[in-house]
């Protein structure tokens, strides 16, 4: 096993030689536990946490795997689990069945409430509603994610929709050109972009301007919630709208900017194997003033 000299930087943290020696000792002495358990142990010992206090387990595991590739340590075999992006089982309960039709103007149903999905009960409800009623279904999101249930308060408190934000697409030509990214800057600042990967208004809900109101409420919450969860302040939100199914009028009404169309490769298709498969309209919403300039020029904060 190769020795590791000097310090290393990863995901915004500088690891000293002493840190690396501790990591090597932990991995060597904690035989029989998973890679994720190792990562959490290292985080606890080094105090590597997010702004809200949660351990940076995912980032630490990636760092451990990079060290393994460099020959510095040997990790336990990866455990077989559900692949990220895979379809998952969808509950079938009364909560997901069509409810009474809600028809009218959004003003008649206010106040609108956006509740972050955090409890097991809410996670199951979100999965069921999206899995049963969104045309793309429910899949395990890539990377980071925040999920919300949207509710109206009148005539009684009722769930009317779901919103999900997750990690951005690796590359999108229209977005990258609009920002003015070169390869190095894109890699540096990609974490400042968030993808609105699911948006659902339940099919029995026909309330005019509701979708626009939910989007506006969601982007107002997003910056602080994402920063609290992941320790990074997002500057731009992106979304893809299937042009054969939707016009995207609610996004346009909420002041999202149309940048163009995708190549149809898919958000994680780095091998150019699905070009032209599903062409979608790309829209973005800046969360800060001069978002494109910040993404193009600002050093990592």
C-alpha atoms as a PDB file:
ATOM      1  CA  UNK A   1       0.000   0.000   0.000  1.00  0.00           C
ATOM      2  CA  UNK A   2       1.418   3.362  -0.994  1.00  0.00           C
ATOM      3  CA  UNK A   3       2.273   6.033   1.540  1.00  0.00           C
ATOM      4  CA  UNK A   4       0.418   9.347   1.388  1.00  0.00           C
ATOM      5  CA  UNK A   5       2.497  12.487   1.803  1.00  0.00           C
ATOM      6  CA  UNK A   6       1.370  16.073   2.124  1.00  0.00           C
ATOM      7  CA  UNK A   7      -2.173  17.356   2.423  1.00  0.00           C
ATOM      8  CA  UNK A   8      -5.120  16.814   0.090  1.00  0.00           C
ATOM      9  CA  UNK A   9      -8.147  18.955  -0.714  1.00  0.00           C
ATOM     10  CA  UNK A  10     -11.555  17.463  -1.414  1.00  0.00           C
ATOM     11  CA  UNK A  11     -15.066  18.968  -1.495  1.00  0.00           C
ATOM     12  CA  UNK A  12     -13.929  22.224   0.056  1.00  0.00           C
ATOM     13  CA  UNK A  13     -11.927  20.656   2.918  1.00  0.00           C
ATOM     14  CA  UNK A  14      -8.169  20.488   3.338  1.00  0.00           C
ATOM     15  CA  UNK A  15      -6.968  17.183   4.799  1.00  0.00           C
ATOM     16  CA  UNK A  16      -3.663  17.420   6.626  1.00  0.00           C
ATOM     17  CA  UNK A  17      -1.135  14.567   6.851  1.00  0.00           C
ATOM     18  CA  UNK A  18      -2.408  13.986  10.384  1.00  0.00           C
ATOM     19  CA  UNK A  19      -5.997  13.700   9.079  1.00  0.00           C
ATOM     20  CA  UNK A  20      -4.880  11.208   6.440  1.00  0.00           C
ATOM     21  CA  UNK A  21      -3.027   9.135   9.024  1.00  0.00           C
ATOM     22  CA  UNK A  22      -6.192   9.019  11.162  1.00  0.00           C
ATOM     23  CA  UNK A  23      -8.280   7.963   8.151  1.00  0.00           C
ATOM     24  CA  UNK A  24      -5.808   5.166   7.376  1.00  0.00           C
ATOM     25  CA  UNK A  25      -5.925   3.970  10.989  1.00  0.00           C
ATOM     26  CA  UNK A  26      -9.739   3.989  11.096  1.00  0.00           C
ATOM     27  CA  UNK A  27     -10.091   2.024   7.851  1.00  0.00           C
ATOM     28  CA  UNK A  28      -7.392  -0.464   8.913  1.00  0.00           C
ATOM     29  CA  UNK A  29      -8.809  -1.039  12.402  1.00  0.00           C
ATOM     30  CA  UNK A  30     -12.564  -1.037  11.695  1.00  0.00           C
ATOM     31  CA  UNK A  31     -12.798  -4.237   9.707  1.00  0.00           C
ATOM     32  CA  UNK A  32     -16.243  -5.657   9.027  1.00  0.00           C
ATOM     33  CA  UNK A  33     -18.251  -2.439   8.667  1.00  0.00           C
ATOM     34  CA  UNK A  34     -19.598  -0.924   5.465  1.00  0.00           C
ATOM     35  CA  UNK A  35     -18.066   1.912   3.450  1.00  0.00           C
ATOM     36  CA  UNK A  36     -20.827   4.242   4.587  1.00  0.00           C
ATOM     37  CA  UNK A  37     -20.247   3.349   8.237  1.00  0.00           C
ATOM     38  CA  UNK A  38     -16.533   4.003   7.748  1.00  0.00           C
ATOM     39  CA  UNK A  39     -17.290   7.367   6.160  1.00  0.00           C
ATOM     40  CA  UNK A  40     -19.583   8.388   9.021  1.00  0.00           C
ATOM     41  CA  UNK A  41     -16.964   7.322  11.561  1.00  0.00           C
ATOM     42  CA  UNK A  42     -14.312   9.430   9.824  1.00  0.00           C
ATOM     43  CA  UNK A  43     -16.706  12.401   9.687  1.00  0.00           C
ATOM     44  CA  UNK A  44     -17.397  12.154  13.401  1.00  0.00           C
ATOM     45  CA  UNK A  45     -13.690  11.988  14.288  1.00  0.00           C
ATOM     46  CA  UNK A  46     -12.747  14.874  11.998  1.00  0.00           C
ATOM     47  CA  UNK A  47     -15.849  16.971  12.680  1.00  0.00           C
ATOM     48  CA  UNK A  48     -16.715  17.038   8.971  1.00  0.00           C
ATOM     49  CA  UNK A  49     -20.326  18.241   8.981  1.00  0.00           C
ATOM     50  CA  UNK A  50     -22.789  20.401   7.082  1.00  0.00           C
ATOM     51  CA  UNK A  51     -23.993  23.761   8.306  1.00  0.00           C
ATOM     52  CA  UNK A  52     -26.953  22.133  10.051  1.00  0.00           C
ATOM     53  CA  UNK A  53     -24.716  19.598  11.832  1.00  0.00           C
ATOM     54  CA  UNK A  54     -25.358  16.532   9.644  1.00  0.00           C
ATOM     55  CA  UNK A  55     -22.338  14.410   8.762  1.00  0.00           C
ATOM     56  CA  UNK A  56     -20.898  14.748   5.252  1.00  0.00           C
ATOM     57  CA  UNK A  57     -21.031  11.000   4.819  1.00  0.00           C
ATOM     58  CA  UNK A  58     -21.557  10.909   1.062  1.00  0.00           C
ATOM     59  CA  UNK A  59     -18.652  13.249   0.349  1.00  0.00           C
ATOM     60  CA  UNK A  60     -16.419  11.356   2.782  1.00  0.00           C
ATOM     61  CA  UNK A  61     -17.180   8.042   1.115  1.00  0.00           C
ATOM     62  CA  UNK A  62     -16.234   9.530  -2.255  1.00  0.00           C
ATOM     63  CA  UNK A  63     -12.974  10.793  -0.728  1.00  0.00           C
ATOM     64  CA  UNK A  64     -12.202   7.368   0.740  1.00  0.00           C
ATOM     65  CA  UNK A  65     -12.778   5.783  -2.658  1.00  0.00           C
ATOM     66  CA  UNK A  66     -10.425   8.307  -4.253  1.00  0.00           C
ATOM     67  CA  UNK A  67      -7.776   7.420  -1.684  1.00  0.00           C
ATOM     68  CA  UNK A  68      -8.330   3.759  -2.476  1.00  0.00           C
ATOM     69  CA  UNK A  69      -7.809   4.431  -6.183  1.00  0.00           C
ATOM     70  CA  UNK A  70      -4.513   6.088  -5.262  1.00  0.00           C
ATOM     71  CA  UNK A  71      -3.392   3.014  -3.389  1.00  0.00           C
ATOM     72  CA  UNK A  72      -3.443   4.698   0.039  1.00  0.00           C
ATOM     73  CA  UNK A  73      -5.930   2.324   1.633  1.00  0.00           C
ATOM     74  CA  UNK A  74      -8.137  -0.677   0.942  1.00  0.00           C
ATOM     75  CA  UNK A  75     -11.874  -0.392   1.528  1.00  0.00           C
ATOM     76  CA  UNK A  76     -14.374  -3.227   2.124  1.00  0.00           C
ATOM     77  CA  UNK A  77     -16.254  -4.483  -0.915  1.00  0.00           C
ATOM     78  CA  UNK A  78     -19.251  -2.410  -1.956  1.00  0.00           C
ATOM     79  CA  UNK A  79     -22.544  -3.721  -0.642  1.00  0.00           C
ATOM     80  CA  UNK A  80     -25.172  -4.645  -3.190  1.00  0.00           C
ATOM     81  CA  UNK A  81     -28.079  -2.215  -2.890  1.00  0.00           C
ATOM     82  CA  UNK A  82     -30.679  -0.357  -4.884  1.00  0.00           C
ATOM     83  CA  UNK A  83     -28.997   1.603  -7.699  1.00  0.00           C
ATOM     84  CA  UNK A  84     -29.446   5.360  -7.694  1.00  0.00           C
ATOM     85  CA  UNK A  85     -32.020   6.300 -10.331  1.00  0.00           C
ATOM     86  CA  UNK A  86     -33.706   2.901 -10.181  1.00  0.00           C
ATOM     87  CA  UNK A  87     -37.435   2.456  -9.964  1.00  0.00           C
ATOM     88  CA  UNK A  88     -38.687   1.707  -6.481  1.00  0.00           C
ATOM     89  CA  UNK A  89     -41.804   0.058  -5.108  1.00  0.00           C
ATOM     90  CA  UNK A  90     -44.800   2.373  -4.925  1.00  0.00           C
ATOM     91  CA  UNK A  91     -47.272   2.161  -2.034  1.00  0.00           C
ATOM     92  CA  UNK A  92     -50.919   1.728  -2.982  1.00  0.00           C
ATOM     93  CA  UNK A  93     -53.042   3.240  -0.228  1.00  0.00           C
ATOM     94  CA  UNK A  94     -56.188   5.274   0.207  1.00  0.00           C
ATOM     95  CA  UNK A  95     -54.045   8.398   0.575  1.00  0.00           C
ATOM     96  CA  UNK A  96     -52.998   8.139  -3.063  1.00  0.00           C
ATOM     97  CA  UNK A  97     -56.454   7.515  -4.505  1.00  0.00           C
ATOM     98  CA  UNK A  98     -58.201  10.325  -6.414  1.00  0.00           C
ATOM     99  CA  UNK A  99     -59.951  12.733  -4.078  1.00  0.00           C
ATOM    100  CA  UNK A 100     -62.837  15.096  -4.497  1.00  0.00           C
ATOM    101  CA  UNK A 101     -62.369  17.515  -7.386  1.00  0.00           C
ATOM    102  CA  UNK A 102     -60.979  20.903  -6.408  1.00  0.00           C
ATOM    103  CA  UNK A 103     -61.956  23.539  -8.945  1.00  0.00           C
ATOM    104  CA  UNK A 104     -61.700  27.308  -8.814  1.00  0.00           C
ATOM    105  CA  UNK A 105     -59.226  30.173  -8.488  1.00  0.00           C
ATOM    106  CA  UNK A 106     -56.180  29.864  -6.285  1.00  0.00           C
ATOM    107  CA  UNK A 107     -57.322  32.814  -4.138  1.00  0.00           C
ATOM    108  CA  UNK A 108     -60.263  30.711  -2.945  1.00  0.00           C
ATOM    109  CA  UNK A 109     -57.967  28.059  -1.427  1.00  0.00           C
ATOM    110  CA  UNK A 110     -55.268  30.154   0.287  1.00  0.00           C
ATOM    111  CA  UNK A 111     -53.118  30.134   2.259  1.00  0.00           C
ATOM    112  CA  UNK A 112     -50.853  27.793   0.323  1.00  0.00           C
ATOM    113  CA  UNK A 113     -48.525  25.679   2.483  1.00  0.00           C
ATOM    114  CA  UNK A 114     -45.296  23.981   1.391  1.00  0.00           C
ATOM    115  CA  UNK A 115     -44.159  21.260   3.794  1.00  0.00           C
ATOM    116  CA  UNK A 116     -40.716  19.728   3.522  1.00  0.00           C
ATOM    117  CA  UNK A 117     -40.752  15.923   3.348  1.00  0.00           C
ATOM    118  CA  UNK A 118     -38.783  14.631   6.335  1.00  0.00           C
ATOM    119  CA  UNK A 119     -40.799  11.996   8.190  1.00  0.00           C
ATOM    120  CA  UNK A 120     -41.163   8.409   7.004  1.00  0.00           C
ATOM    121  CA  UNK A 121     -44.914   8.946   6.613  1.00  0.00           C
ATOM    122  CA  UNK A 122     -44.401  11.962   4.346  1.00  0.00           C
ATOM    123  CA  UNK A 123     -41.723  10.164   2.315  1.00  0.00           C
ATOM    124  CA  UNK A 124     -44.103   7.287   1.627  1.00  0.00           C
ATOM    125  CA  UNK A 125     -46.911   9.682   0.683  1.00  0.00           C
ATOM    126  CA  UNK A 126     -44.625  11.649  -1.649  1.00  0.00           C
ATOM    127  CA  UNK A 127     -43.420   8.438  -3.278  1.00  0.00           C
ATOM    128  CA  UNK A 128     -46.960   7.179  -3.742  1.00  0.00           C
ATOM    129  CA  UNK A 129     -48.359  10.398  -5.202  1.00  0.00           C
ATOM    130  CA  UNK A 130     -45.469  10.881  -7.634  1.00  0.00           C
ATOM    131  CA  UNK A 131     -45.271   7.177  -8.454  1.00  0.00           C
ATOM    132  CA  UNK A 132     -48.967   6.883  -9.237  1.00  0.00           C
ATOM    133  CA  UNK A 133     -49.724  10.265 -10.798  1.00  0.00           C
ATOM    134  CA  UNK A 134     -46.562  11.731 -12.398  1.00  0.00           C
ATOM    135  CA  UNK A 135     -45.950  10.630 -15.996  1.00  0.00           C
ATOM    136  CA  UNK A 136     -42.300   9.818 -15.196  1.00  0.00           C
ATOM    137  CA  UNK A 137     -43.177   7.930 -12.020  1.00  0.00           C
ATOM    138  CA  UNK A 138     -40.927   7.891  -8.973  1.00  0.00           C
ATOM    139  CA  UNK A 139     -37.225   6.993  -9.072  1.00  0.00           C
ATOM    140  CA  UNK A 140     -34.476   7.283  -6.479  1.00  0.00           C
ATOM    141  CA  UNK A 141     -33.074  10.805  -7.120  1.00  0.00           C
ATOM    142  CA  UNK A 142     -29.461  11.348  -8.133  1.00  0.00           C
ATOM    143  CA  UNK A 143     -27.297  12.877  -5.421  1.00  0.00           C
ATOM    144  CA  UNK A 144     -28.737  15.564  -3.165  1.00  0.00           C
ATOM    145  CA  UNK A 145     -32.467  16.145  -2.950  1.00  0.00           C
ATOM    146  CA  UNK A 146     -35.228  18.123  -1.224  1.00  0.00           C
ATOM    147  CA  UNK A 147     -38.883  17.155  -1.487  1.00  0.00           C
ATOM    148  CA  UNK A 148     -42.023  19.090  -0.594  1.00  0.00           C
ATOM    149  CA  UNK A 149     -45.743  18.441  -0.298  1.00  0.00           C
ATOM    150  CA  UNK A 150     -47.946  21.354  -1.383  1.00  0.00           C
ATOM    151  CA  UNK A 151     -51.194  21.873   0.497  1.00  0.00           C
ATOM    152  CA  UNK A 152     -54.122  24.271   0.317  1.00  0.00           C
ATOM    153  CA  UNK A 153     -55.901  25.376   3.487  1.00  0.00           C
ATOM    154  CA  UNK A 154     -59.504  25.781   2.269  1.00  0.00           C
ATOM    155  CA  UNK A 155     -62.099  24.383   2.414  1.00  0.00           C
ATOM    156  CA  UNK A 156     -59.885  22.030   4.472  1.00  0.00           C
ATOM    157  CA  UNK A 157     -56.176  21.263   4.632  1.00  0.00           C
ATOM    158  CA  UNK A 158     -55.476  19.089   1.570  1.00  0.00           C
ATOM    159  CA  UNK A 159     -52.403  17.911  -0.321  1.00  0.00           C
ATOM    160  CA  UNK A 160     -52.610  19.159  -3.922  1.00  0.00           C
ATOM    161  CA  UNK A 161     -49.103  18.609  -5.312  1.00  0.00           C
ATOM    162  CA  UNK A 162     -45.477  17.550  -4.947  1.00  0.00           C
ATOM    163  CA  UNK A 163     -42.187  19.292  -5.736  1.00  0.00           C
ATOM    164  CA  UNK A 164     -38.716  17.747  -5.846  1.00  0.00           C
ATOM    165  CA  UNK A 165     -35.315  19.406  -6.231  1.00  0.00           C
ATOM    166  CA  UNK A 166     -32.182  17.338  -6.787  1.00  0.00           C
ATOM    167  CA  UNK A 167     -28.647  17.444  -8.157  1.00  0.00           C
ATOM    168  CA  UNK A 168     -28.267  19.165 -11.558  1.00  0.00           C
ATOM    169  CA  UNK A 169     -27.632  17.634 -14.943  1.00  0.00           C
ATOM    170  CA  UNK A 170     -23.936  16.968 -15.541  1.00  0.00           C
ATOM    171  CA  UNK A 171     -23.944  18.853 -18.842  1.00  0.00           C
ATOM    172  CA  UNK A 172     -26.569  20.774 -20.795  1.00  0.00           C
ATOM    173  CA  UNK A 173     -25.357  22.759 -23.753  1.00  0.00           C
ATOM    174  CA  UNK A 174     -27.940  25.569 -23.592  1.00  0.00           C
ATOM    175  CA  UNK A 175     -27.384  26.083 -19.854  1.00  0.00           C
ATOM    176  CA  UNK A 176     -23.609  25.918 -20.063  1.00  0.00           C
ATOM    177  CA  UNK A 177     -23.519  28.385 -22.964  1.00  0.00           C
ATOM    178  CA  UNK A 178     -25.893  30.785 -21.177  1.00  0.00           C
ATOM    179  CA  UNK A 179     -23.634  30.778 -18.125  1.00  0.00           C
ATOM    180  CA  UNK A 180     -20.451  30.909 -20.206  1.00  0.00           C
ATOM    181  CA  UNK A 181     -18.870  27.884 -18.540  1.00  0.00           C
ATOM    182  CA  UNK A 182     -15.631  26.285 -19.548  1.00  0.00           C
ATOM    183  CA  UNK A 183     -14.957  22.755 -18.339  1.00  0.00           C
ATOM    184  CA  UNK A 184     -12.985  23.711 -15.231  1.00  0.00           C
ATOM    185  CA  UNK A 185     -15.465  26.344 -14.038  1.00  0.00           C
ATOM    186  CA  UNK A 186     -18.422  24.040 -14.637  1.00  0.00           C
ATOM    187  CA  UNK A 187     -16.865  21.375 -12.415  1.00  0.00           C
ATOM    188  CA  UNK A 188     -16.107  23.977  -9.745  1.00  0.00           C
ATOM    189  CA  UNK A 189     -19.571  25.553  -9.569  1.00  0.00           C
ATOM    190  CA  UNK A 190     -21.978  22.824 -10.680  1.00  0.00           C
ATOM    191  CA  UNK A 191     -23.056  22.308  -7.056  1.00  0.00           C
ATOM    192  CA  UNK A 192     -24.501  25.843  -7.156  1.00  0.00           C
ATOM    193  CA  UNK A 193     -27.168  24.627  -9.614  1.00  0.00           C
ATOM    194  CA  UNK A 194     -30.244  22.659  -8.497  1.00  0.00           C
ATOM    195  CA  UNK A 195     -32.603  20.673 -10.698  1.00  0.00           C
ATOM    196  CA  UNK A 196     -36.389  20.802 -10.302  1.00  0.00           C
ATOM    197  CA  UNK A 197     -36.676  17.118 -11.190  1.00  0.00           C
ATOM    198  CA  UNK A 198     -40.335  16.508 -10.313  1.00  0.00           C
ATOM    199  CA  UNK A 199     -43.364  18.795 -10.207  1.00  0.00           C
ATOM    200  CA  UNK A 200     -46.844  17.361  -9.836  1.00  0.00           C
ATOM    201  CA  UNK A 201     -50.284  18.867  -9.495  1.00  0.00           C
ATOM    202  CA  UNK A 202     -52.648  16.020  -8.629  1.00  0.00           C
ATOM    203  CA  UNK A 203     -54.946  15.244 -11.582  1.00  0.00           C
ATOM    204  CA  UNK A 204     -58.195  15.908  -9.683  1.00  0.00           C
ATOM    205  CA  UNK A 205     -56.985  19.383  -8.722  1.00  0.00           C
ATOM    206  CA  UNK A 206     -57.974  22.024 -11.274  1.00  0.00           C
ATOM    207  CA  UNK A 207     -57.214  25.303  -9.544  1.00  0.00           C
ATOM    208  CA  UNK A 208     -56.191  28.136 -11.840  1.00  0.00           C
ATOM    209  CA  UNK A 209     -52.730  29.629 -11.172  1.00  0.00           C
ATOM    210  CA  UNK A 210     -52.016  27.016  -8.477  1.00  0.00           C
ATOM    211  CA  UNK A 211     -48.944  25.618 -10.249  1.00  0.00           C
ATOM    212  CA  UNK A 212     -47.383  29.058 -10.621  1.00  0.00           C
ATOM    213  CA  UNK A 213     -48.085  29.847  -6.956  1.00  0.00           C
ATOM    214  CA  UNK A 214     -46.464  26.591  -5.805  1.00  0.00           C
ATOM    215  CA  UNK A 215     -43.374  27.200  -7.934  1.00  0.00           C
ATOM    216  CA  UNK A 216     -42.991  30.721  -6.578  1.00  0.00           C
ATOM    217  CA  UNK A 217     -43.317  29.465  -3.010  1.00  0.00           C
ATOM    218  CA  UNK A 218     -40.850  26.638  -3.638  1.00  0.00           C
ATOM    219  CA  UNK A 219     -38.044  28.780  -5.049  1.00  0.00           C
ATOM    220  CA  UNK A 220     -38.422  31.187  -2.117  1.00  0.00           C
ATOM    221  CA  UNK A 221     -37.805  28.262   0.248  1.00  0.00           C
ATOM    222  CA  UNK A 222     -35.124  26.547  -1.779  1.00  0.00           C
ATOM    223  CA  UNK A 223     -32.053  28.678  -1.101  1.00  0.00           C
ATOM    224  CA  UNK A 224     -32.235  28.542   2.679  1.00  0.00           C
ATOM    225  CA  UNK A 225     -33.405  24.915   2.878  1.00  0.00           C
ATOM    226  CA  UNK A 226     -30.692  23.700   0.487  1.00  0.00           C
ATOM    227  CA  UNK A 227     -28.033  25.690   2.327  1.00  0.00           C
ATOM    228  CA  UNK A 228     -29.162  24.310   5.677  1.00  0.00           C
ATOM    229  CA  UNK A 229     -29.168  20.735   4.368  1.00  0.00           C
ATOM    230  CA  UNK A 230     -26.005  20.710   2.260  1.00  0.00           C
ATOM    231  CA  UNK A 231     -23.973  23.742   3.321  1.00  0.00           C
ATOM    232  CA  UNK A 232     -23.987  25.210  -0.207  1.00  0.00           C
ATOM    233  CA  UNK A 233     -26.021  28.213  -1.339  1.00  0.00           C
ATOM    234  CA  UNK A 234     -27.606  27.531  -4.752  1.00  0.00           C
ATOM    235  CA  UNK A 235     -27.678  30.326  -7.307  1.00  0.00           C
ATOM    236  CA  UNK A 236     -29.690  28.789 -10.164  1.00  0.00           C
ATOM    237  CA  UNK A 237     -32.551  26.322 -10.592  1.00  0.00           C
ATOM    238  CA  UNK A 238     -33.072  24.392 -13.824  1.00  0.00           C
ATOM    239  CA  UNK A 239     -35.889  22.209 -15.093  1.00  0.00           C
ATOM    240  CA  UNK A 240     -36.764  20.205 -18.198  1.00  0.00           C
ATOM    241  CA  UNK A 241     -40.250  20.223 -19.701  1.00  0.00           C
ATOM    242  CA  UNK A 242     -41.358  17.518 -22.127  1.00  0.00           C
ATOM    243  CA  UNK A 243     -42.458  19.627 -25.101  1.00  0.00           C
ATOM    244  CA  UNK A 244     -44.741  16.902 -26.431  1.00  0.00           C
ATOM    245  CA  UNK A 245     -46.745  16.850 -23.190  1.00  0.00           C
ATOM    246  CA  UNK A 246     -46.569  20.337 -21.682  1.00  0.00           C
ATOM    247  CA  UNK A 247     -46.188  23.963 -22.692  1.00  0.00           C
ATOM    248  CA  UNK A 248     -44.473  24.974 -19.456  1.00  0.00           C
ATOM    249  CA  UNK A 249     -46.800  27.920 -18.978  1.00  0.00           C
ATOM    250  CA  UNK A 250     -46.671  27.780 -15.172  1.00  0.00           C
ATOM    251  CA  UNK A 251     -42.864  28.148 -15.278  1.00  0.00           C
ATOM    252  CA  UNK A 252     -43.060  31.044 -17.716  1.00  0.00           C
ATOM    253  CA  UNK A 253     -45.702  32.739 -15.548  1.00  0.00           C
ATOM    254  CA  UNK A 254     -43.381  32.318 -12.540  1.00  0.00           C
ATOM    255  CA  UNK A 255     -40.632  34.186 -14.467  1.00  0.00           C
ATOM    256  CA  UNK A 256     -38.470  31.211 -15.412  1.00  0.00           C
ATOM    257  CA  UNK A 257     -36.245  31.822 -18.454  1.00  0.00           C
ATOM    258  CA  UNK A 258     -36.437  29.586 -21.529  1.00  0.00           C
ATOM    259  CA  UNK A 259     -32.916  28.732 -22.710  1.00  0.00           C
ATOM    260  CA  UNK A 260     -33.663  26.288 -25.510  1.00  0.00           C
ATOM    261  CA  UNK A 261     -33.890  22.556 -26.002  1.00  0.00           C
ATOM    262  CA  UNK A 262     -31.836  19.618 -24.821  1.00  0.00           C
ATOM    263  CA  UNK A 263     -30.100  17.159 -27.114  1.00  0.00           C
ATOM    264  CA  UNK A 264     -32.261  14.350 -25.760  1.00  0.00           C
ATOM    265  CA  UNK A 265     -29.326  12.403 -24.323  1.00  0.00           C
ATOM    266  CA  UNK A 266     -30.641  12.292 -20.767  1.00  0.00           C
ATOM    267  CA  UNK A 267     -29.273  14.086 -17.723  1.00  0.00           C
ATOM    268  CA  UNK A 268     -26.624  11.463 -16.839  1.00  0.00           C
ATOM    269  CA  UNK A 269     -25.746  10.215 -20.347  1.00  0.00           C
ATOM    270  CA  UNK A 270     -22.018  10.960 -20.460  1.00  0.00           C
ATOM    271  CA  UNK A 271     -21.331   8.417 -23.220  1.00  0.00           C
ATOM    272  CA  UNK A 272     -23.586  10.013 -25.886  1.00  0.00           C
ATOM    273  CA  UNK A 273     -25.652   6.843 -26.263  1.00  0.00           C
ATOM    274  CA  UNK A 274     -29.170   8.371 -26.250  1.00  0.00           C
ATOM    275  CA  UNK A 275     -28.870  11.464 -28.441  1.00  0.00           C
ATOM    276  CA  UNK A 276     -32.261  12.674 -29.667  1.00  0.00           C
ATOM    277  CA  UNK A 277     -34.277  10.231 -27.561  1.00  0.00           C
ATOM    278  CA  UNK A 278     -36.344  12.738 -25.545  1.00  0.00           C
ATOM    279  CA  UNK A 279     -35.958  16.386 -26.519  1.00  0.00           C
ATOM    280  CA  UNK A 280     -37.117  18.746 -23.764  1.00  0.00           C
ATOM    281  CA  UNK A 281     -37.363  22.475 -23.190  1.00  0.00           C
ATOM    282  CA  UNK A 282     -34.818  23.828 -20.714  1.00  0.00           C
ATOM    283  CA  UNK A 283     -35.844  26.622 -18.337  1.00  0.00           C
ATOM    284  CA  UNK A 284     -33.873  28.242 -15.524  1.00  0.00           C
ATOM    285  CA  UNK A 285     -34.665  30.505 -12.578  1.00  0.00           C
ATOM    286  CA  UNK A 286     -31.884  32.657 -11.050  1.00  0.00           C
ATOM    287  CA  UNK A 287     -32.036  32.645  -7.259  1.00  0.00           C
ATOM    288  CA  UNK A 288     -29.584  35.543  -6.974  1.00  0.00           C
ATOM    289  CA  UNK A 289     -28.848  38.666  -8.977  1.00  0.00           C
ATOM    290  CA  UNK A 290     -26.280  38.101 -11.768  1.00  0.00           C
ATOM    291  CA  UNK A 291     -26.450  34.341 -11.305  1.00  0.00           C
ATOM    292  CA  UNK A 292     -24.739  33.607 -14.623  1.00  0.00           C
ATOM    293  CA  UNK A 293     -21.856  35.950 -13.811  1.00  0.00           C
ATOM    294  CA  UNK A 294     -21.400  34.441 -10.341  1.00  0.00           C
ATOM    295  CA  UNK A 295     -21.405  30.923 -11.747  1.00  0.00           C
ATOM    296  CA  UNK A 296     -18.933  31.947 -14.430  1.00  0.00           C
ATOM    297  CA  UNK A 297     -16.540  34.088 -12.392  1.00  0.00           C
ATOM    298  CA  UNK A 298     -16.905  33.875  -8.618  1.00  0.00           C
ATOM    299  CA  UNK A 299     -14.457  31.738  -6.661  1.00  0.00           C
ATOM    300  CA  UNK A 300     -15.922  28.976  -4.556  1.00  0.00           C
ATOM    301  CA  UNK A 301     -17.391  30.415  -1.362  1.00  0.00           C
END
